[in-house]
């Protein structure tokens, strides 16, 4: 019983990284909008950099989700 409670608590704490990733993705695309508004001629280069930032931030979210699932379902 105590082990199950610890697993649920650990999985819940591991999902905190998902909230951070959501904030990070919002920051990346907010910066893209601001950068494009300030200098529209750099739109393509800024978009490429934003997609890279999105991918790296999303990878962190997937790692956090993977950790939560490992905590819940590992033996």
Protein backbone atom coordinates (compact mmCIF):
# COMPACT_ATOMS: atom_id res chain seq x y z
CA UNK A 1 0.00 0.00 0.00
CA UNK A 2 2.78 2.43 0.91
CA UNK A 3 4.72 1.54 -2.24
CA UNK A 4 1.68 2.29 -4.41
CA UNK A 5 1.21 5.66 -2.71
CA UNK A 6 4.88 6.48 -3.26
CA UNK A 7 4.59 5.52 -6.93
CA UNK A 8 1.58 7.77 -7.43
CA UNK A 9 3.27 10.65 -5.63
CA UNK A 10 6.48 10.21 -7.63
CA UNK A 11 4.60 10.06 -10.94
CA UNK A 12 2.68 13.20 -10.05
CA UNK A 13 5.87 15.03 -9.19
CA UNK A 14 7.50 13.84 -12.42
CA UNK A 15 4.72 15.46 -14.46
CA UNK A 16 5.67 18.92 -13.16
CA UNK A 17 8.11 18.99 -16.08
CA UNK A 18 5.13 19.03 -18.45
CA UNK A 19 3.98 22.38 -17.07
CA UNK A 20 7.48 23.77 -17.52
CA UNK A 21 7.54 22.56 -21.11
CA UNK A 22 4.22 24.28 -21.77
CA UNK A 23 5.64 27.54 -20.47
CA UNK A 24 8.78 27.03 -22.55
CA UNK A 25 6.84 26.43 -25.77
CA UNK A 26 4.78 29.55 -25.13
CA UNK A 27 7.95 31.54 -24.59
CA UNK A 28 9.54 30.22 -27.80
CA UNK A 29 6.58 31.14 -29.98
CA UNK A 30 5.98 34.43 -28.17
CA UNK A 31 9.57 35.37 -28.94
CA UNK A 32 9.00 34.30 -32.57
CA UNK A 33 6.02 36.64 -32.88
CA UNK A 34 7.92 39.53 -31.32
CA UNK A 35 11.01 38.93 -33.44
CA UNK A 36 8.95 38.72 -36.64
CA UNK A 37 7.09 41.91 -35.71
CA UNK A 38 10.36 43.76 -35.13
CA UNK A 39 12.15 42.48 -38.24
CA UNK A 40 9.90 40.81 -40.83
CA UNK A 41 12.79 40.18 -43.22
CA UNK A 42 14.23 37.57 -40.81
CA UNK A 43 10.96 35.61 -40.69
CA UNK A 44 12.32 32.40 -42.25
CA UNK A 45 15.46 32.23 -40.12
CA UNK A 46 13.55 33.03 -36.93
CA UNK A 47 11.01 30.33 -37.75
CA UNK A 48 13.76 27.73 -38.20
CA UNK A 49 15.27 28.64 -34.84
CA UNK A 50 11.82 28.59 -33.20
CA UNK A 51 11.11 25.10 -34.52
CA UNK A 52 14.42 23.91 -33.09
CA UNK A 53 13.54 25.47 -29.73
CA UNK A 54 10.11 23.86 -29.86
CA UNK A 55 11.59 20.43 -30.59
CA UNK A 56 14.09 20.65 -27.73
CA UNK A 57 11.45 21.87 -25.30
CA UNK A 58 9.03 19.16 -26.37
CA UNK A 59 11.76 16.56 -25.88
CA UNK A 60 12.04 17.60 -22.24
CA UNK A 61 8.27 17.15 -21.87
CA UNK A 62 8.46 13.68 -23.39
CA UNK A 63 11.28 12.73 -21.02
CA UNK A 64 9.20 13.90 -18.04
CA UNK A 65 6.21 11.91 -19.27
CA UNK A 66 8.39 8.85 -19.85
CA UNK A 67 9.73 9.12 -16.28
CA UNK A 68 6.20 9.32 -14.91
CA UNK A 69 5.17 6.20 -16.82
CA UNK A 70 8.31 4.35 -15.76
CA UNK A 71 7.61 5.19 -12.13
CA UNK A 72 4.02 3.99 -12.43
CA UNK A 73 4.43 0.83 -14.48
CA UNK A 74 7.98 -0.44 -13.82
CA UNK A 75 8.34 -3.45 -11.58
